[in-house]
Amino acid sequence: MDEIVKAALKKWPNVPHCWGWLALDARGDWYMRDDRVQAAGPFPKVKGSRILHDKLREFIHRNYLADESGDWFFQNGPQRVYVELEAAPWTWRLAPGEAAPAITSHSGRQAQFESAWLDEQGRLFLATDIGLGLVHTLDMETAAGAVESGTWVPQEIRFDELPARFGYRLSPATAHAAQLP
C-alpha cells in the first residue's frame, strides 16, 4: 500500500466505504460505474467507463487488496472502494517458461501455480499463492501447452462454486446491500 494512503487512513480513519463504483472484468480491465451506470444494470451486463489513465490504473494496482470476508477493494486514501468482479480477483497473463508458464496478474504481480480449474464455459482458472484468477483469453495457447504437456491438470468445477471454494465474492455491493444508504 502506498505511504500516502497509509497516512490518509491515519488522518481520516472513519471514511465510509464505497460500493458498486469500481469493477474488474475478465480481461483485467477496470471500469468506473457511476450512479447512472449502476441504475442501468449490474456488472458485467452494464460495464461503465473503462479506466484508460495509466497512472490511475497503477495506483489502483498498488492498493488492490481483500478484506477478511473475501471482498476485494481499492484503498483510495482513507476510503475503501469495493470492486465488482466479473470472474475472479485476478486475471492472469502467461509467458512461456522452461518448466511451466510464468504467471503474472493484471496488476503486474508474479504468482506461483498451485492448481488449475476448468468451468462449464471452458474458461481456465488458476489457483496461485496470491489467489484465484482467470487466464486471459490471449494467453490460452500458452496455457494449452501446459495442459497438453501434463504440467497443469485442470479439475472441473462449476463457475458458481469458485467464489466459496477460493474465498472471494463477485459482488460486495450485493452482499452488503442492507448496509447501503
N, C-alpha and C. Protein backbone atom coordinates (compact mmCIF):
# COMPACT_ATOMS: atom_id res chain seq x y z
N MET A 1 0.85 -1.18 0.00
CA MET A 1 0.00 0.00 0.00
C MET A 1 0.89 1.24 0.00
N ASP A 2 0.51 2.24 -0.77
CA ASP A 2 1.27 3.48 -0.85
C ASP A 2 1.33 4.18 0.51
N GLU A 3 2.44 4.84 0.77
CA GLU A 3 2.61 5.58 2.04
C GLU A 3 1.58 6.69 2.18
N ILE A 4 1.25 7.35 1.09
CA ILE A 4 0.26 8.42 1.14
C ILE A 4 -1.11 7.87 1.55
N VAL A 5 -1.41 6.65 1.14
CA VAL A 5 -2.67 6.00 1.51
C VAL A 5 -2.66 5.67 3.00
N LYS A 6 -1.54 5.15 3.49
CA LYS A 6 -1.42 4.83 4.92
C LYS A 6 -1.59 6.09 5.77
N ALA A 7 -1.00 7.19 5.32
CA ALA A 7 -1.12 8.45 6.06
C ALA A 7 -2.57 8.94 6.07
N ALA A 8 -3.26 8.81 4.94
CA ALA A 8 -4.66 9.24 4.87
C ALA A 8 -5.54 8.40 5.79
N LEU A 9 -5.25 7.10 5.89
CA LEU A 9 -6.01 6.23 6.79
C LEU A 9 -5.87 6.66 8.24
N LYS A 10 -4.66 7.08 8.62
CA LYS A 10 -4.43 7.55 10.00
C LYS A 10 -5.15 8.87 10.25
N LYS A 11 -5.12 9.75 9.25
CA LYS A 11 -5.71 11.08 9.41
C LYS A 11 -7.24 11.02 9.42
N TRP A 12 -7.83 10.16 8.56
CA TRP A 12 -9.29 10.05 8.45
C TRP A 12 -9.69 8.58 8.56
N PRO A 13 -9.73 8.04 9.76
CA PRO A 13 -9.98 6.59 9.92
C PRO A 13 -11.42 6.14 9.70
N ASN A 14 -12.38 7.05 9.68
CA ASN A 14 -13.79 6.63 9.63
C ASN A 14 -14.53 7.06 8.37
N VAL A 15 -13.84 7.10 7.24
CA VAL A 15 -14.49 7.46 5.98
C VAL A 15 -15.36 6.28 5.53
N PRO A 16 -16.61 6.53 5.12
CA PRO A 16 -17.49 5.42 4.69
C PRO A 16 -16.95 4.72 3.45
N HIS A 17 -17.26 3.44 3.37
CA HIS A 17 -16.85 2.65 2.21
C HIS A 17 -17.69 3.03 0.99
N CYS A 18 -17.17 2.70 -0.18
CA CYS A 18 -17.83 2.98 -1.44
C CYS A 18 -18.14 1.64 -2.13
N TRP A 19 -19.37 1.47 -2.59
CA TRP A 19 -19.82 0.20 -3.16
C TRP A 19 -20.32 0.40 -4.59
N GLY A 20 -19.96 -0.51 -5.48
CA GLY A 20 -20.53 -0.55 -6.82
C GLY A 20 -19.91 0.37 -7.84
N TRP A 21 -18.95 1.21 -7.45
CA TRP A 21 -18.40 2.23 -8.34
C TRP A 21 -17.18 1.77 -9.13
N LEU A 22 -16.60 0.65 -8.79
CA LEU A 22 -15.40 0.17 -9.49
C LEU A 22 -15.58 -1.31 -9.79
N ALA A 23 -15.16 -1.72 -10.99
CA ALA A 23 -15.33 -3.11 -11.40
C ALA A 23 -14.10 -3.59 -12.17
N LEU A 24 -13.88 -4.91 -12.10
CA LEU A 24 -12.78 -5.56 -12.82
C LEU A 24 -13.38 -6.63 -13.72
N ASP A 25 -13.13 -6.52 -15.03
CA ASP A 25 -13.71 -7.52 -15.93
C ASP A 25 -12.78 -8.72 -16.11
N ALA A 26 -13.21 -9.68 -16.91
CA ALA A 26 -12.49 -10.94 -17.09
C ALA A 26 -11.19 -10.76 -17.86
N ARG A 27 -10.98 -9.61 -18.48
CA ARG A 27 -9.74 -9.36 -19.21
C ARG A 27 -8.78 -8.50 -18.41
N GLY A 28 -9.12 -8.22 -17.14
CA GLY A 28 -8.24 -7.43 -16.29
C GLY A 28 -8.34 -5.94 -16.49
N ASP A 29 -9.46 -5.48 -17.07
CA ASP A 29 -9.69 -4.06 -17.27
C ASP A 29 -10.57 -3.50 -16.16
N TRP A 30 -10.25 -2.29 -15.72
CA TRP A 30 -11.00 -1.60 -14.66
C TRP A 30 -12.08 -0.72 -15.29
N TYR A 31 -13.21 -0.63 -14.60
CA TYR A 31 -14.33 0.19 -15.06
C TYR A 31 -14.88 1.03 -13.91
N MET A 32 -15.14 2.31 -14.21
CA MET A 32 -15.85 3.19 -13.28
C MET A 32 -17.34 3.05 -13.56
N ARG A 33 -18.13 2.97 -12.48
CA ARG A 33 -19.57 2.75 -12.63
C ARG A 33 -20.31 3.81 -11.79
N ASP A 34 -20.64 4.91 -12.39
CA ASP A 34 -21.33 5.98 -11.66
C ASP A 34 -22.78 5.59 -11.38
N ASP A 35 -23.52 6.47 -10.73
CA ASP A 35 -24.93 6.18 -10.38
C ASP A 35 -25.77 5.80 -11.58
N ARG A 36 -25.60 6.51 -12.70
CA ARG A 36 -26.37 6.25 -13.91
C ARG A 36 -26.08 4.83 -14.43
N VAL A 37 -24.82 4.44 -14.46
CA VAL A 37 -24.44 3.11 -14.95
C VAL A 37 -24.98 2.04 -14.00
N GLN A 38 -24.84 2.25 -12.70
CA GLN A 38 -25.34 1.28 -11.73
C GLN A 38 -26.85 1.10 -11.86
N ALA A 39 -27.57 2.20 -12.11
CA ALA A 39 -29.02 2.12 -12.26
C ALA A 39 -29.42 1.38 -13.55
N ALA A 40 -28.52 1.39 -14.55
CA ALA A 40 -28.82 0.74 -15.83
C ALA A 40 -28.69 -0.78 -15.76
N GLY A 41 -28.02 -1.29 -14.73
CA GLY A 41 -27.92 -2.75 -14.61
C GLY A 41 -26.65 -3.19 -13.90
N PRO A 42 -26.62 -4.46 -13.53
CA PRO A 42 -25.47 -4.99 -12.79
C PRO A 42 -24.25 -5.22 -13.68
N PHE A 43 -23.12 -5.24 -13.05
CA PHE A 43 -21.87 -5.60 -13.73
C PHE A 43 -21.84 -7.11 -13.88
N PRO A 44 -21.41 -7.67 -14.97
CA PRO A 44 -20.80 -7.06 -16.14
C PRO A 44 -21.77 -6.76 -17.28
N LYS A 45 -23.07 -6.96 -17.04
CA LYS A 45 -24.05 -6.68 -18.10
C LYS A 45 -23.92 -5.23 -18.56
N VAL A 46 -23.77 -4.32 -17.61
CA VAL A 46 -23.51 -2.91 -17.90
C VAL A 46 -22.17 -2.59 -17.25
N LYS A 47 -21.18 -2.32 -18.07
CA LYS A 47 -19.81 -2.19 -17.55
C LYS A 47 -19.49 -0.80 -17.02
N GLY A 48 -19.80 0.24 -17.73
CA GLY A 48 -19.41 1.58 -17.33
C GLY A 48 -18.28 2.10 -18.20
N SER A 49 -17.48 3.00 -17.65
CA SER A 49 -16.39 3.62 -18.40
C SER A 49 -15.07 2.93 -18.07
N ARG A 50 -14.40 2.43 -19.11
CA ARG A 50 -13.11 1.76 -18.92
C ARG A 50 -12.06 2.78 -18.50
N ILE A 51 -11.30 2.43 -17.49
CA ILE A 51 -10.24 3.32 -16.99
C ILE A 51 -9.01 3.14 -17.88
N LEU A 52 -8.64 4.21 -18.57
CA LEU A 52 -7.52 4.16 -19.50
C LEU A 52 -6.29 4.90 -18.99
N HIS A 53 -6.45 5.73 -17.99
CA HIS A 53 -5.35 6.55 -17.46
C HIS A 53 -4.33 5.65 -16.76
N ASP A 54 -3.13 5.58 -17.31
CA ASP A 54 -2.09 4.67 -16.80
C ASP A 54 -1.77 4.89 -15.32
N LYS A 55 -1.61 6.14 -14.90
CA LYS A 55 -1.24 6.42 -13.51
C LYS A 55 -2.35 6.00 -12.55
N LEU A 56 -3.61 6.20 -12.94
CA LEU A 56 -4.71 5.78 -12.09
C LEU A 56 -4.74 4.26 -11.98
N ARG A 57 -4.58 3.56 -13.10
CA ARG A 57 -4.54 2.09 -13.04
C ARG A 57 -3.39 1.61 -12.16
N GLU A 58 -2.23 2.22 -12.29
CA GLU A 58 -1.08 1.82 -11.45
C GLU A 58 -1.38 2.05 -9.97
N PHE A 59 -2.03 3.17 -9.65
CA PHE A 59 -2.40 3.47 -8.26
C PHE A 59 -3.38 2.42 -7.74
N ILE A 60 -4.38 2.06 -8.55
CA ILE A 60 -5.34 1.02 -8.15
C ILE A 60 -4.60 -0.29 -7.92
N HIS A 61 -3.71 -0.65 -8.83
CA HIS A 61 -2.97 -1.92 -8.70
C HIS A 61 -2.16 -1.99 -7.42
N ARG A 62 -1.51 -0.90 -7.06
CA ARG A 62 -0.67 -0.90 -5.84
C ARG A 62 -1.50 -0.98 -4.56
N ASN A 63 -2.76 -0.61 -4.65
CA ASN A 63 -3.60 -0.52 -3.46
C ASN A 63 -4.83 -1.42 -3.56
N TYR A 64 -4.69 -2.52 -4.28
CA TYR A 64 -5.76 -3.51 -4.51
C TYR A 64 -5.58 -4.64 -3.50
N LEU A 65 -6.57 -4.82 -2.64
CA LEU A 65 -6.47 -5.75 -1.51
C LEU A 65 -7.80 -6.47 -1.30
N ALA A 66 -7.79 -7.44 -0.39
CA ALA A 66 -9.02 -8.13 0.00
C ALA A 66 -9.20 -8.00 1.51
N ASP A 67 -10.45 -7.98 1.94
CA ASP A 67 -10.72 -7.97 3.37
C ASP A 67 -10.95 -9.40 3.87
N GLU A 68 -11.25 -9.52 5.15
CA GLU A 68 -11.41 -10.83 5.77
C GLU A 68 -12.64 -11.60 5.27
N SER A 69 -13.57 -10.91 4.60
CA SER A 69 -14.77 -11.55 4.05
C SER A 69 -14.58 -12.02 2.61
N GLY A 70 -13.42 -11.73 2.03
CA GLY A 70 -13.19 -12.08 0.63
C GLY A 70 -13.70 -11.04 -0.34
N ASP A 71 -13.98 -9.84 0.16
CA ASP A 71 -14.39 -8.73 -0.70
C ASP A 71 -13.12 -7.99 -1.11
N TRP A 72 -12.95 -7.80 -2.41
CA TRP A 72 -11.78 -7.10 -2.93
C TRP A 72 -12.09 -5.62 -3.03
N PHE A 73 -11.08 -4.79 -2.75
CA PHE A 73 -11.28 -3.36 -2.76
C PHE A 73 -10.01 -2.65 -3.18
N PHE A 74 -10.18 -1.39 -3.53
CA PHE A 74 -9.09 -0.47 -3.83
C PHE A 74 -9.08 0.53 -2.68
N GLN A 75 -7.96 0.61 -1.97
CA GLN A 75 -7.85 1.56 -0.87
C GLN A 75 -7.47 2.91 -1.46
N ASN A 76 -8.45 3.79 -1.60
CA ASN A 76 -8.28 5.11 -2.20
C ASN A 76 -8.16 6.14 -1.09
N GLY A 77 -6.94 6.37 -0.64
CA GLY A 77 -6.76 7.24 0.51
C GLY A 77 -7.42 6.59 1.70
N PRO A 78 -8.28 7.32 2.41
CA PRO A 78 -8.93 6.73 3.58
C PRO A 78 -10.17 5.89 3.25
N GLN A 79 -10.55 5.84 1.99
CA GLN A 79 -11.80 5.16 1.62
C GLN A 79 -11.55 3.84 0.90
N ARG A 80 -12.29 2.81 1.30
CA ARG A 80 -12.28 1.54 0.59
C ARG A 80 -13.32 1.60 -0.51
N VAL A 81 -12.86 1.36 -1.74
CA VAL A 81 -13.76 1.32 -2.89
C VAL A 81 -13.85 -0.16 -3.29
N TYR A 82 -14.97 -0.78 -2.94
CA TYR A 82 -15.13 -2.22 -3.19
C TYR A 82 -15.33 -2.48 -4.67
N VAL A 83 -14.78 -3.61 -5.13
CA VAL A 83 -14.70 -3.94 -6.55
C VAL A 83 -15.70 -5.04 -6.91
N GLU A 84 -16.48 -4.78 -7.96
CA GLU A 84 -17.35 -5.79 -8.55
C GLU A 84 -16.48 -6.62 -9.50
N LEU A 85 -16.52 -7.93 -9.36
CA LEU A 85 -15.69 -8.82 -10.17
C LEU A 85 -16.53 -9.57 -11.19
N GLU A 86 -16.05 -9.62 -12.43
CA GLU A 86 -16.76 -10.40 -13.44
C GLU A 86 -16.51 -11.89 -13.26
N ALA A 87 -15.26 -12.27 -12.96
CA ALA A 87 -14.93 -13.70 -12.90
C ALA A 87 -14.14 -14.09 -11.67
N ALA A 88 -13.13 -13.31 -11.31
CA ALA A 88 -12.22 -13.65 -10.21
C ALA A 88 -11.43 -12.40 -9.83
N PRO A 89 -10.74 -12.44 -8.69
CA PRO A 89 -9.97 -11.27 -8.27
C PRO A 89 -8.77 -10.96 -9.16
N TRP A 90 -8.27 -11.95 -9.90
CA TRP A 90 -7.09 -11.76 -10.74
C TRP A 90 -7.36 -12.21 -12.16
N THR A 91 -6.71 -11.57 -13.10
CA THR A 91 -6.65 -12.04 -14.48
C THR A 91 -5.19 -12.33 -14.75
N TRP A 92 -4.91 -13.55 -15.18
CA TRP A 92 -3.52 -13.99 -15.37
C TRP A 92 -3.05 -13.78 -16.80
N ARG A 93 -1.84 -13.24 -16.92
CA ARG A 93 -1.12 -13.20 -18.18
C ARG A 93 0.00 -14.23 -18.05
N LEU A 94 0.23 -14.98 -19.11
CA LEU A 94 1.19 -16.07 -19.09
C LEU A 94 2.34 -15.79 -20.05
N ALA A 95 3.53 -16.23 -19.66
CA ALA A 95 4.69 -16.17 -20.54
C ALA A 95 5.31 -17.56 -20.57
N PRO A 96 5.63 -18.05 -21.76
CA PRO A 96 6.22 -19.39 -21.83
C PRO A 96 7.47 -19.48 -20.97
N GLY A 97 7.61 -20.63 -20.29
CA GLY A 97 8.79 -20.86 -19.46
C GLY A 97 9.34 -22.25 -19.75
N GLU A 98 10.51 -22.51 -19.23
CA GLU A 98 11.13 -23.82 -19.49
C GLU A 98 10.33 -24.96 -18.87
N ALA A 99 10.00 -24.84 -17.60
CA ALA A 99 9.27 -25.91 -16.92
C ALA A 99 7.76 -25.68 -16.97
N ALA A 100 7.35 -24.44 -16.80
CA ALA A 100 5.93 -24.08 -16.78
C ALA A 100 5.81 -22.60 -17.14
N PRO A 101 4.65 -22.19 -17.60
CA PRO A 101 4.48 -20.76 -17.91
C PRO A 101 4.66 -19.89 -16.66
N ALA A 102 5.23 -18.71 -16.85
CA ALA A 102 5.30 -17.72 -15.78
C ALA A 102 3.94 -17.05 -15.69
N ILE A 103 3.48 -16.82 -14.48
CA ILE A 103 2.14 -16.26 -14.24
C ILE A 103 2.30 -14.87 -13.65
N THR A 104 1.66 -13.89 -14.30
CA THR A 104 1.67 -12.51 -13.82
C THR A 104 0.23 -12.00 -13.81
N SER A 105 -0.15 -11.30 -12.75
CA SER A 105 -1.51 -10.77 -12.65
C SER A 105 -1.70 -9.54 -13.53
N HIS A 106 -2.96 -9.16 -13.71
CA HIS A 106 -3.30 -7.94 -14.46
C HIS A 106 -2.64 -6.71 -13.84
N SER A 107 -2.26 -6.81 -12.57
CA SER A 107 -1.63 -5.68 -11.89
C SER A 107 -0.11 -5.77 -11.87
N GLY A 108 0.43 -6.83 -12.50
CA GLY A 108 1.88 -6.96 -12.57
C GLY A 108 2.52 -7.81 -11.49
N ARG A 109 1.72 -8.38 -10.59
CA ARG A 109 2.27 -9.23 -9.53
C ARG A 109 2.57 -10.63 -10.05
N GLN A 110 3.73 -11.15 -9.66
CA GLN A 110 4.10 -12.51 -10.01
C GLN A 110 3.34 -13.47 -9.10
N ALA A 111 3.00 -14.64 -9.63
CA ALA A 111 2.27 -15.63 -8.85
C ALA A 111 2.84 -17.02 -9.12
N GLN A 112 2.69 -17.90 -8.14
CA GLN A 112 3.16 -19.28 -8.24
C GLN A 112 1.96 -20.21 -8.36
N PHE A 113 1.98 -21.06 -9.37
CA PHE A 113 0.92 -22.00 -9.66
C PHE A 113 0.68 -22.97 -8.50
N GLU A 114 -0.59 -23.23 -8.20
CA GLU A 114 -0.98 -24.25 -7.23
C GLU A 114 -1.89 -25.30 -7.85
N SER A 115 -2.94 -24.85 -8.60
CA SER A 115 -3.85 -25.80 -9.24
C SER A 115 -4.58 -25.11 -10.39
N ALA A 116 -5.15 -25.94 -11.28
CA ALA A 116 -5.89 -25.43 -12.43
C ALA A 116 -7.33 -25.93 -12.37
N TRP A 117 -8.25 -25.09 -12.83
CA TRP A 117 -9.69 -25.38 -12.76
C TRP A 117 -10.36 -24.96 -14.06
N LEU A 118 -11.24 -25.80 -14.55
CA LEU A 118 -11.94 -25.55 -15.80
C LEU A 118 -13.44 -25.48 -15.50
N ASP A 119 -14.08 -24.33 -15.86
CA ASP A 119 -15.52 -24.22 -15.58
C ASP A 119 -16.34 -24.73 -16.76
N GLU A 120 -17.66 -24.70 -16.61
CA GLU A 120 -18.57 -25.25 -17.62
C GLU A 120 -18.55 -24.47 -18.93
N GLN A 121 -17.98 -23.27 -18.93
CA GLN A 121 -17.86 -22.48 -20.15
C GLN A 121 -16.52 -22.71 -20.85
N GLY A 122 -15.69 -23.57 -20.26
CA GLY A 122 -14.37 -23.85 -20.83
C GLY A 122 -13.32 -22.83 -20.45
N ARG A 123 -13.60 -22.00 -19.45
CA ARG A 123 -12.62 -21.00 -19.00
C ARG A 123 -11.65 -21.64 -18.02
N LEU A 124 -10.38 -21.28 -18.15
CA LEU A 124 -9.34 -21.84 -17.30
C LEU A 124 -8.98 -20.87 -16.19
N PHE A 125 -9.14 -21.33 -14.95
CA PHE A 125 -8.78 -20.57 -13.76
C PHE A 125 -7.56 -21.21 -13.14
N LEU A 126 -6.67 -20.39 -12.59
CA LEU A 126 -5.51 -20.90 -11.87
C LEU A 126 -5.56 -20.42 -10.44
N ALA A 127 -5.40 -21.36 -9.51
CA ALA A 127 -5.21 -21.01 -8.10
C ALA A 127 -3.70 -20.84 -7.92
N THR A 128 -3.33 -19.75 -7.26
CA THR A 128 -1.91 -19.45 -7.04
C THR A 128 -1.69 -19.06 -5.59
N ASP A 129 -0.45 -18.75 -5.28
CA ASP A 129 -0.11 -18.32 -3.93
C ASP A 129 -0.74 -16.98 -3.57
N ILE A 130 -1.21 -16.20 -4.54
CA ILE A 130 -1.86 -14.91 -4.21
C ILE A 130 -3.36 -14.94 -4.47
N GLY A 131 -3.90 -16.08 -4.88
CA GLY A 131 -5.34 -16.19 -5.07
C GLY A 131 -5.72 -16.78 -6.41
N LEU A 132 -7.02 -16.75 -6.67
CA LEU A 132 -7.57 -17.34 -7.89
C LEU A 132 -7.70 -16.28 -8.97
N GLY A 133 -7.40 -16.71 -10.20
CA GLY A 133 -7.58 -15.81 -11.33
C GLY A 133 -7.94 -16.58 -12.58
N LEU A 134 -8.43 -15.85 -13.55
CA LEU A 134 -8.81 -16.38 -14.85
C LEU A 134 -7.67 -16.13 -15.83
N VAL A 135 -7.33 -17.14 -16.61
CA VAL A 135 -6.30 -16.96 -17.64
C VAL A 135 -6.87 -16.06 -18.74
N HIS A 136 -6.12 -15.04 -19.10
CA HIS A 136 -6.52 -14.09 -20.14
C HIS A 136 -6.72 -14.85 -21.45
N THR A 137 -7.73 -14.48 -22.21
CA THR A 137 -8.03 -15.18 -23.46
C THR A 137 -6.85 -15.16 -24.44
N LEU A 138 -6.05 -14.12 -24.44
CA LEU A 138 -4.91 -14.04 -25.35
C LEU A 138 -3.79 -15.02 -24.99
N ASP A 139 -3.86 -15.60 -23.79
CA ASP A 139 -2.80 -16.50 -23.34
C ASP A 139 -3.22 -17.96 -23.27
N MET A 140 -4.36 -18.28 -23.89
CA MET A 140 -4.85 -19.65 -23.84
C MET A 140 -3.96 -20.63 -24.62
N GLU A 141 -3.26 -20.17 -25.63
CA GLU A 141 -2.35 -21.07 -26.36
C GLU A 141 -1.21 -21.51 -25.44
N THR A 142 -0.65 -20.60 -24.68
CA THR A 142 0.39 -20.94 -23.72
C THR A 142 -0.16 -21.88 -22.65
N ALA A 143 -1.37 -21.58 -22.17
CA ALA A 143 -2.00 -22.44 -21.16
C ALA A 143 -2.26 -23.83 -21.72
N ALA A 144 -2.72 -23.90 -22.97
CA ALA A 144 -2.99 -25.20 -23.59
C ALA A 144 -1.73 -26.05 -23.64
N GLY A 145 -0.59 -25.43 -23.90
CA GLY A 145 0.67 -26.16 -23.91
C GLY A 145 0.97 -26.77 -22.56
N ALA A 146 0.71 -26.02 -21.48
CA ALA A 146 0.95 -26.54 -20.12
C ALA A 146 0.00 -27.68 -19.79
N VAL A 147 -1.23 -27.60 -20.29
CA VAL A 147 -2.21 -28.66 -20.06
C VAL A 147 -1.84 -29.90 -20.88
N GLU A 148 -1.53 -29.70 -22.16
CA GLU A 148 -1.19 -30.83 -23.03
C GLU A 148 0.06 -31.57 -22.57
N SER A 149 1.01 -30.86 -21.99
CA SER A 149 2.24 -31.50 -21.51
C SER A 149 2.06 -32.18 -20.15
N GLY A 150 0.91 -31.95 -19.52
CA GLY A 150 0.66 -32.52 -18.20
C GLY A 150 1.22 -31.69 -17.06
N THR A 151 1.77 -30.53 -17.37
CA THR A 151 2.30 -29.63 -16.33
C THR A 151 1.15 -29.12 -15.46
N TRP A 152 0.04 -28.77 -16.10
CA TRP A 152 -1.17 -28.38 -15.39
C TRP A 152 -2.25 -29.39 -15.73
N VAL A 153 -2.94 -29.88 -14.71
CA VAL A 153 -4.03 -30.83 -14.90
C VAL A 153 -5.30 -30.21 -14.33
N PRO A 154 -6.11 -29.58 -15.19
CA PRO A 154 -7.31 -28.89 -14.69
C PRO A 154 -8.34 -29.86 -14.13
N GLN A 155 -8.95 -29.43 -13.04
CA GLN A 155 -10.09 -30.13 -12.45
C GLN A 155 -11.35 -29.38 -12.87
N GLU A 156 -12.43 -30.10 -13.09
CA GLU A 156 -13.67 -29.45 -13.48
C GLU A 156 -14.39 -28.89 -12.26
N ILE A 157 -14.99 -27.72 -12.45
CA ILE A 157 -15.74 -27.07 -11.38
C ILE A 157 -16.78 -26.15 -12.02
N ARG A 158 -17.91 -26.01 -11.36
CA ARG A 158 -18.91 -25.04 -11.84
C ARG A 158 -18.47 -23.64 -11.43
N PHE A 159 -18.70 -22.68 -12.32
CA PHE A 159 -18.30 -21.31 -12.05
C PHE A 159 -18.87 -20.80 -10.73
N ASP A 160 -20.14 -21.12 -10.45
CA ASP A 160 -20.76 -20.61 -9.23
C ASP A 160 -20.18 -21.22 -7.95
N GLU A 161 -19.34 -22.25 -8.07
CA GLU A 161 -18.68 -22.85 -6.91
C GLU A 161 -17.33 -22.20 -6.59
N LEU A 162 -16.76 -21.49 -7.55
CA LEU A 162 -15.42 -20.92 -7.37
C LEU A 162 -15.33 -19.92 -6.21
N PRO A 163 -16.23 -18.94 -6.09
CA PRO A 163 -16.08 -17.97 -5.01
C PRO A 163 -16.03 -18.60 -3.61
N ALA A 164 -16.91 -19.54 -3.32
CA ALA A 164 -16.90 -20.17 -2.00
C ALA A 164 -15.64 -21.01 -1.79
N ARG A 165 -15.25 -21.74 -2.82
CA ARG A 165 -14.07 -22.61 -2.69
C ARG A 165 -12.80 -21.79 -2.47
N PHE A 166 -12.70 -20.61 -3.14
CA PHE A 166 -11.47 -19.83 -3.08
C PHE A 166 -11.59 -18.54 -2.26
N GLY A 167 -12.72 -18.37 -1.57
CA GLY A 167 -12.84 -17.30 -0.58
C GLY A 167 -12.91 -15.88 -1.12
N TYR A 168 -13.72 -15.65 -2.14
CA TYR A 168 -13.92 -14.28 -2.62
C TYR A 168 -15.39 -14.10 -3.00
N ARG A 169 -15.80 -12.83 -3.14
CA ARG A 169 -17.16 -12.51 -3.58
C ARG A 169 -17.10 -11.75 -4.89
N LEU A 170 -17.99 -12.10 -5.80
CA LEU A 170 -18.06 -11.39 -7.07
C LEU A 170 -18.65 -9.99 -6.88
N SER A 171 -19.64 -9.85 -6.00
CA SER A 171 -20.31 -8.57 -5.84
C SER A 171 -20.41 -8.17 -4.36
N PRO A 172 -19.41 -7.46 -3.86
CA PRO A 172 -19.51 -6.97 -2.49
C PRO A 172 -20.73 -6.06 -2.28
N ALA A 173 -21.09 -5.27 -3.32
CA ALA A 173 -22.24 -4.38 -3.19
C ALA A 173 -23.52 -5.15 -2.93
N THR A 174 -23.70 -6.26 -3.64
CA THR A 174 -24.90 -7.08 -3.43
C THR A 174 -24.88 -7.72 -2.04
N ALA A 175 -23.72 -8.20 -1.63
CA ALA A 175 -23.59 -8.85 -0.33
C ALA A 175 -23.85 -7.86 0.82
N HIS A 176 -23.55 -6.59 0.61
CA HIS A 176 -23.71 -5.59 1.67
C HIS A 176 -24.86 -4.62 1.40
N ALA A 177 -25.78 -5.00 0.54
CA ALA A 177 -26.88 -4.10 0.14
C ALA A 177 -27.67 -3.58 1.34
N ALA A 178 -27.86 -4.38 2.35
CA ALA A 178 -28.62 -3.95 3.52
C ALA A 178 -27.92 -2.83 4.28
N GLN A 179 -26.60 -2.72 4.16
CA GLN A 179 -25.85 -1.70 4.87
C GLN A 179 -25.75 -0.39 4.10
N LEU A 180 -26.17 -0.41 2.82
CA LEU A 180 -26.02 0.77 1.98
C LEU A 180 -27.12 1.78 2.27
N PRO A 181 -26.77 3.07 2.11
CA PRO A 181 -27.79 4.12 2.36
C PRO A 181 -28.90 4.10 1.35
